[in-house]
């Protein structure tokens, strides 16, 4: 009985020390992690709308009311992209649910309603399958798709103008990314007044 009490006490002390060390580490690194996340998000915006000189986050009541609709359940952040003081498009961060959880997808939409690029960021998709959504050849399929037609997914064959070919073995991931792109297209269309 004494051994159980002693082992319990030792285990409790080890757990408390580990918790304190983890807490201190989190406190020390939290700002650096936030800074790195902000840099990664800025780079993602620039990669999908490279001609933009600045990005202004839209977070007022008007955008909040628009995002409250069920149609925009994956939208996380909305930025107005400007060049020479003029709005040239929108960079919209979505987080649709894929096979392994949420997939961060930054979508660039120009003022004419075409996808200028997408950037798949943090995700927990299966390596070798859903992780292939981060590859440029998959993401390039979305460029030029427009808000009037939306984007569909096919498993194989030759895609039409408004379709992309799913990643082999990762249809759930492909559908999730496409859902994020379609919601971004619809939101950009609504924001531009079209």
C-alpha atoms as a PDB file:
ATOM      1  CA  UNK A   1       0.000   0.000   0.000  1.00  0.00           C
ATOM      2  CA  UNK A   2       2.835   2.395   0.852  1.00  0.00           C
ATOM      3  CA  UNK A   3       4.375   1.729  -2.576  1.00  0.00           C
ATOM      4  CA  UNK A   4       1.150   2.755  -4.328  1.00  0.00           C
ATOM      5  CA  UNK A   5       0.989   6.004  -2.375  1.00  0.00           C
ATOM      6  CA  UNK A   6       4.657   6.755  -3.108  1.00  0.00           C
ATOM      7  CA  UNK A   7       4.287   5.955  -6.837  1.00  0.00           C
ATOM      8  CA  UNK A   8       1.137   8.072  -7.024  1.00  0.00           C
ATOM      9  CA  UNK A   9       2.976  10.977  -5.385  1.00  0.00           C
ATOM     10  CA  UNK A  10       5.940  10.664  -7.775  1.00  0.00           C
ATOM     11  CA  UNK A  11       3.623  10.466 -10.789  1.00  0.00           C
ATOM     12  CA  UNK A  12       1.721  13.529  -9.585  1.00  0.00           C
ATOM     13  CA  UNK A  13       4.954  15.516  -9.219  1.00  0.00           C
ATOM     14  CA  UNK A  14       6.165  14.459 -12.694  1.00  0.00           C
ATOM     15  CA  UNK A  15       2.826  15.483 -14.224  1.00  0.00           C
ATOM     16  CA  UNK A  16       2.855  18.857 -12.469  1.00  0.00           C
ATOM     17  CA  UNK A  17       6.432  19.591 -13.627  1.00  0.00           C
ATOM     18  CA  UNK A  18       5.558  18.567 -17.199  1.00  0.00           C
ATOM     19  CA  UNK A  19       2.448  20.791 -17.155  1.00  0.00           C
ATOM     20  CA  UNK A  20       4.459  23.772 -15.920  1.00  0.00           C
ATOM     21  CA  UNK A  21       7.161  23.221 -18.557  1.00  0.00           C
ATOM     22  CA  UNK A  22       4.550  22.952 -21.331  1.00  0.00           C
ATOM     23  CA  UNK A  23       2.777  26.076 -20.075  1.00  0.00           C
ATOM     24  CA  UNK A  24       6.001  28.090 -20.023  1.00  0.00           C
ATOM     25  CA  UNK A  25       6.961  26.822 -23.493  1.00  0.00           C
ATOM     26  CA  UNK A  26       3.548  27.798 -24.846  1.00  0.00           C
ATOM     27  CA  UNK A  27       3.822  31.240 -23.258  1.00  0.00           C
ATOM     28  CA  UNK A  28       7.265  31.803 -24.759  1.00  0.00           C
ATOM     29  CA  UNK A  29       6.399  30.586 -28.260  1.00  0.00           C
ATOM     30  CA  UNK A  30       2.795  31.851 -28.643  1.00  0.00           C
ATOM     31  CA  UNK A  31       3.797  35.209 -30.145  1.00  0.00           C
ATOM     32  CA  UNK A  32       6.284  33.624 -32.547  1.00  0.00           C
ATOM     33  CA  UNK A  33       3.690  31.074 -33.692  1.00  0.00           C
ATOM     34  CA  UNK A  34       1.115  33.840 -34.245  1.00  0.00           C
ATOM     35  CA  UNK A  35       3.689  35.841 -36.214  1.00  0.00           C
ATOM     36  CA  UNK A  36       4.571  32.856 -38.409  1.00  0.00           C
ATOM     37  CA  UNK A  37       0.865  32.160 -39.023  1.00  0.00           C
ATOM     38  CA  UNK A  38       0.307  35.790 -40.062  1.00  0.00           C
ATOM     39  CA  UNK A  39       3.266  35.612 -42.464  1.00  0.00           C
ATOM     40  CA  UNK A  40       1.991  32.334 -43.965  1.00  0.00           C
ATOM     41  CA  UNK A  41      -1.482  33.855 -44.453  1.00  0.00           C
ATOM     42  CA  UNK A  42      -0.011  36.962 -46.106  1.00  0.00           C
ATOM     43  CA  UNK A  43       2.071  34.802 -48.440  1.00  0.00           C
ATOM     44  CA  UNK A  44      -1.015  32.717 -49.296  1.00  0.00           C
ATOM     45  CA  UNK A  45      -2.965  35.890 -50.172  1.00  0.00           C
ATOM     46  CA  UNK A  46      -0.117  37.128 -52.359  1.00  0.00           C
ATOM     47  CA  UNK A  47       0.154  33.762 -54.098  1.00  0.00           C
ATOM     48  CA  UNK A  48      -3.513  33.775 -55.137  1.00  0.00           C
ATOM     49  CA  UNK A  49      -3.699  37.462 -56.125  1.00  0.00           C
ATOM     50  CA  UNK A  50      -0.129  38.417 -56.996  1.00  0.00           C
ATOM     51  CA  UNK A  51      -1.074  41.712 -58.658  1.00  0.00           C
ATOM     52  CA  UNK A  52      -2.559  43.111 -55.420  1.00  0.00           C
ATOM     53  CA  UNK A  53      -0.553  45.756 -53.576  1.00  0.00           C
ATOM     54  CA  UNK A  54      -2.545  45.550 -50.358  1.00  0.00           C
ATOM     55  CA  UNK A  55      -5.151  43.392 -48.669  1.00  0.00           C
ATOM     56  CA  UNK A  56      -7.788  44.920 -46.414  1.00  0.00           C
ATOM     57  CA  UNK A  57      -9.615  42.564 -44.090  1.00  0.00           C
ATOM     58  CA  UNK A  58     -13.388  42.891 -44.238  1.00  0.00           C
ATOM     59  CA  UNK A  59     -14.796  42.294 -40.780  1.00  0.00           C
ATOM     60  CA  UNK A  60     -17.584  44.823 -40.296  1.00  0.00           C
ATOM     61  CA  UNK A  61     -21.253  44.250 -39.611  1.00  0.00           C
ATOM     62  CA  UNK A  62     -22.126  44.017 -43.313  1.00  0.00           C
ATOM     63  CA  UNK A  63     -19.755  41.094 -43.910  1.00  0.00           C
ATOM     64  CA  UNK A  64     -20.830  39.462 -40.637  1.00  0.00           C
ATOM     65  CA  UNK A  65     -24.460  39.511 -41.776  1.00  0.00           C
ATOM     66  CA  UNK A  66     -23.536  38.020 -45.155  1.00  0.00           C
ATOM     67  CA  UNK A  67     -21.450  35.266 -43.564  1.00  0.00           C
ATOM     68  CA  UNK A  68     -24.273  34.380 -41.166  1.00  0.00           C
ATOM     69  CA  UNK A  69     -26.017  32.656 -44.069  1.00  0.00           C
ATOM     70  CA  UNK A  70     -25.801  28.870 -44.214  1.00  0.00           C
ATOM     71  CA  UNK A  71     -24.267  29.104 -47.682  1.00  0.00           C
ATOM     72  CA  UNK A  72     -20.990  30.384 -46.229  1.00  0.00           C
ATOM     73  CA  UNK A  73     -20.226  27.895 -43.470  1.00  0.00           C
ATOM     74  CA  UNK A  74     -16.592  27.376 -44.596  1.00  0.00           C
ATOM     75  CA  UNK A  75     -15.588  31.063 -44.904  1.00  0.00           C
ATOM     76  CA  UNK A  76     -13.048  32.148 -42.253  1.00  0.00           C
ATOM     77  CA  UNK A  77     -11.494  35.410 -43.509  1.00  0.00           C
ATOM     78  CA  UNK A  78     -12.302  37.855 -46.304  1.00  0.00           C
ATOM     79  CA  UNK A  79      -9.862  40.369 -47.753  1.00  0.00           C
ATOM     80  CA  UNK A  80     -10.422  43.035 -50.361  1.00  0.00           C
ATOM     81  CA  UNK A  81      -7.445  43.140 -52.726  1.00  0.00           C
ATOM     82  CA  UNK A  82      -6.400  46.537 -54.038  1.00  0.00           C
ATOM     83  CA  UNK A  83      -3.918  47.852 -56.578  1.00  0.00           C
ATOM     84  CA  UNK A  84      -3.408  51.580 -57.142  1.00  0.00           C
ATOM     85  CA  UNK A  85      -6.321  52.247 -54.780  1.00  0.00           C
ATOM     86  CA  UNK A  86      -8.792  50.200 -56.829  1.00  0.00           C
ATOM     87  CA  UNK A  87     -10.429  46.932 -55.813  1.00  0.00           C
ATOM     88  CA  UNK A  88      -9.104  44.207 -58.090  1.00  0.00           C
ATOM     89  CA  UNK A  89     -10.573  41.206 -56.328  1.00  0.00           C
ATOM     90  CA  UNK A  90     -10.901  39.246 -53.120  1.00  0.00           C
ATOM     91  CA  UNK A  91      -8.725  36.812 -51.200  1.00  0.00           C
ATOM     92  CA  UNK A  92     -11.021  34.527 -49.234  1.00  0.00           C
ATOM     93  CA  UNK A  93      -9.861  31.949 -46.704  1.00  0.00           C
ATOM     94  CA  UNK A  94     -12.114  28.922 -46.366  1.00  0.00           C
ATOM     95  CA  UNK A  95     -11.897  25.833 -44.172  1.00  0.00           C
ATOM     96  CA  UNK A  96     -14.080  23.062 -45.619  1.00  0.00           C
ATOM     97  CA  UNK A  97     -14.177  19.689 -43.871  1.00  0.00           C
ATOM     98  CA  UNK A  98     -12.165  17.033 -45.684  1.00  0.00           C
ATOM     99  CA  UNK A  99     -11.417  13.419 -44.843  1.00  0.00           C
ATOM    100  CA  UNK A 100      -9.014  14.233 -41.983  1.00  0.00           C
ATOM    101  CA  UNK A 101     -10.566  17.481 -40.729  1.00  0.00           C
ATOM    102  CA  UNK A 102     -10.623  21.074 -41.906  1.00  0.00           C
ATOM    103  CA  UNK A 103      -8.560  22.065 -44.942  1.00  0.00           C
ATOM    104  CA  UNK A 104      -7.399  25.687 -45.150  1.00  0.00           C
ATOM    105  CA  UNK A 105      -7.962  26.967 -48.684  1.00  0.00           C
ATOM    106  CA  UNK A 106      -7.098  30.531 -49.711  1.00  0.00           C
ATOM    107  CA  UNK A 107      -8.959  31.498 -52.898  1.00  0.00           C
ATOM    108  CA  UNK A 108      -8.206  34.497 -55.079  1.00  0.00           C
ATOM    109  CA  UNK A 109     -11.095  35.848 -57.162  1.00  0.00           C
ATOM    110  CA  UNK A 110     -10.652  38.815 -59.476  1.00  0.00           C
ATOM    111  CA  UNK A 111     -13.258  41.515 -59.945  1.00  0.00           C
ATOM    112  CA  UNK A 112     -14.427  39.832 -63.166  1.00  0.00           C
ATOM    113  CA  UNK A 113     -15.366  36.694 -61.265  1.00  0.00           C
ATOM    114  CA  UNK A 114     -12.534  34.347 -62.156  1.00  0.00           C
ATOM    115  CA  UNK A 115     -10.366  32.322 -59.818  1.00  0.00           C
ATOM    116  CA  UNK A 116      -6.836  33.722 -60.007  1.00  0.00           C
ATOM    117  CA  UNK A 117      -5.398  30.961 -57.846  1.00  0.00           C
ATOM    118  CA  UNK A 118      -5.889  28.800 -54.788  1.00  0.00           C
ATOM    119  CA  UNK A 119      -3.502  27.872 -52.017  1.00  0.00           C
ATOM    120  CA  UNK A 120      -4.179  24.795 -49.897  1.00  0.00           C
ATOM    121  CA  UNK A 121      -2.598  25.310 -46.491  1.00  0.00           C
ATOM    122  CA  UNK A 122      -2.881  23.504 -43.156  1.00  0.00           C
ATOM    123  CA  UNK A 123      -4.698  20.199 -43.338  1.00  0.00           C
ATOM    124  CA  UNK A 124      -4.682  16.710 -41.847  1.00  0.00           C
ATOM    125  CA  UNK A 125      -5.441  14.801 -45.012  1.00  0.00           C
ATOM    126  CA  UNK A 126      -3.929  11.392 -45.727  1.00  0.00           C
ATOM    127  CA  UNK A 127      -0.295  11.580 -46.915  1.00  0.00           C
ATOM    128  CA  UNK A 128       0.035  10.453 -50.530  1.00  0.00           C
ATOM    129  CA  UNK A 129      -3.691  10.921 -51.152  1.00  0.00           C
ATOM    130  CA  UNK A 130      -5.490  13.976 -49.775  1.00  0.00           C
ATOM    131  CA  UNK A 131      -2.152  15.718 -49.125  1.00  0.00           C
ATOM    132  CA  UNK A 132      -1.810  15.871 -52.918  1.00  0.00           C
ATOM    133  CA  UNK A 133      -4.252  18.792 -52.769  1.00  0.00           C
ATOM    134  CA  UNK A 134      -1.224  20.958 -51.922  1.00  0.00           C
ATOM    135  CA  UNK A 135       0.433  20.125 -55.249  1.00  0.00           C
ATOM    136  CA  UNK A 136       0.491  22.903 -57.874  1.00  0.00           C
ATOM    137  CA  UNK A 137      -0.925  20.677 -60.638  1.00  0.00           C
ATOM    138  CA  UNK A 138      -4.092  20.033 -58.606  1.00  0.00           C
ATOM    139  CA  UNK A 139      -4.504  23.664 -57.564  1.00  0.00           C
ATOM    140  CA  UNK A 140      -3.915  24.940 -61.112  1.00  0.00           C
ATOM    141  CA  UNK A 141      -7.129  23.234 -62.261  1.00  0.00           C
ATOM    142  CA  UNK A 142      -9.170  25.928 -60.483  1.00  0.00           C
ATOM    143  CA  UNK A 143      -7.539  28.921 -62.179  1.00  0.00           C
ATOM    144  CA  UNK A 144      -9.934  30.635 -64.582  1.00  0.00           C
ATOM    145  CA  UNK A 145     -13.110  29.035 -63.200  1.00  0.00           C
ATOM    146  CA  UNK A 146     -15.825  31.665 -62.812  1.00  0.00           C
ATOM    147  CA  UNK A 147     -18.567  32.556 -60.389  1.00  0.00           C
ATOM    148  CA  UNK A 148     -21.359  32.112 -62.935  1.00  0.00           C
ATOM    149  CA  UNK A 149     -20.683  28.413 -63.516  1.00  0.00           C
ATOM    150  CA  UNK A 150     -19.135  27.339 -60.226  1.00  0.00           C
ATOM    151  CA  UNK A 151     -16.856  24.312 -60.092  1.00  0.00           C
ATOM    152  CA  UNK A 152     -17.764  20.631 -60.270  1.00  0.00           C
ATOM    153  CA  UNK A 153     -15.677  17.526 -59.598  1.00  0.00           C
ATOM    154  CA  UNK A 154     -15.320  14.490 -61.844  1.00  0.00           C
ATOM    155  CA  UNK A 155     -13.432  11.310 -60.954  1.00  0.00           C
ATOM    156  CA  UNK A 156     -11.846  10.764 -64.354  1.00  0.00           C
ATOM    157  CA  UNK A 157     -12.091  11.782 -67.969  1.00  0.00           C
ATOM    158  CA  UNK A 158     -11.768  15.154 -69.601  1.00  0.00           C
ATOM    159  CA  UNK A 159     -13.180  17.957 -67.485  1.00  0.00           C
ATOM    160  CA  UNK A 160     -15.527  20.576 -68.937  1.00  0.00           C
ATOM    161  CA  UNK A 161     -14.740  24.259 -68.475  1.00  0.00           C
ATOM    162  CA  UNK A 162     -16.349  24.314 -65.036  1.00  0.00           C
ATOM    163  CA  UNK A 163     -14.949  20.992 -63.754  1.00  0.00           C
ATOM    164  CA  UNK A 164     -11.778  19.670 -62.161  1.00  0.00           C
ATOM    165  CA  UNK A 165     -10.502  16.092 -61.972  1.00  0.00           C
ATOM    166  CA  UNK A 166     -10.461  14.703 -58.436  1.00  0.00           C
ATOM    167  CA  UNK A 167      -7.284  13.430 -56.847  1.00  0.00           C
ATOM    168  CA  UNK A 168      -7.187   9.637 -57.330  1.00  0.00           C
ATOM    169  CA  UNK A 169      -8.243   8.018 -54.063  1.00  0.00           C
ATOM    170  CA  UNK A 170      -9.082  11.359 -52.454  1.00  0.00           C
ATOM    171  CA  UNK A 171     -12.502  12.351 -53.753  1.00  0.00           C
ATOM    172  CA  UNK A 172     -13.575  13.618 -50.311  1.00  0.00           C
ATOM    173  CA  UNK A 173     -10.613  15.995 -50.215  1.00  0.00           C
ATOM    174  CA  UNK A 174     -11.246  17.140 -53.799  1.00  0.00           C
ATOM    175  CA  UNK A 175     -14.928  17.791 -53.039  1.00  0.00           C
ATOM    176  CA  UNK A 176     -14.002  19.690 -49.861  1.00  0.00           C
ATOM    177  CA  UNK A 177     -11.531  21.980 -51.637  1.00  0.00           C
ATOM    178  CA  UNK A 178     -14.104  22.545 -54.390  1.00  0.00           C
ATOM    179  CA  UNK A 179     -16.768  23.415 -51.803  1.00  0.00           C
ATOM    180  CA  UNK A 180     -14.434  26.055 -50.363  1.00  0.00           C
ATOM    181  CA  UNK A 181     -13.702  27.457 -53.826  1.00  0.00           C
ATOM    182  CA  UNK A 182     -17.410  27.591 -54.732  1.00  0.00           C
ATOM    183  CA  UNK A 183     -18.306  29.381 -51.500  1.00  0.00           C
ATOM    184  CA  UNK A 184     -15.487  31.885 -52.127  1.00  0.00           C
ATOM    185  CA  UNK A 185     -16.744  32.469 -55.685  1.00  0.00           C
ATOM    186  CA  UNK A 186     -20.309  33.028 -54.467  1.00  0.00           C
ATOM    187  CA  UNK A 187     -19.185  35.411 -51.741  1.00  0.00           C
ATOM    188  CA  UNK A 188     -16.965  37.393 -54.116  1.00  0.00           C
ATOM    189  CA  UNK A 189     -19.888  37.699 -56.515  1.00  0.00           C
ATOM    190  CA  UNK A 190     -22.131  38.968 -53.733  1.00  0.00           C
ATOM    191  CA  UNK A 191     -19.514  41.418 -52.454  1.00  0.00           C
ATOM    192  CA  UNK A 192     -18.909  42.832 -55.922  1.00  0.00           C
ATOM    193  CA  UNK A 193     -22.626  43.435 -56.448  1.00  0.00           C
ATOM    194  CA  UNK A 194     -23.020  41.045 -59.387  1.00  0.00           C
END
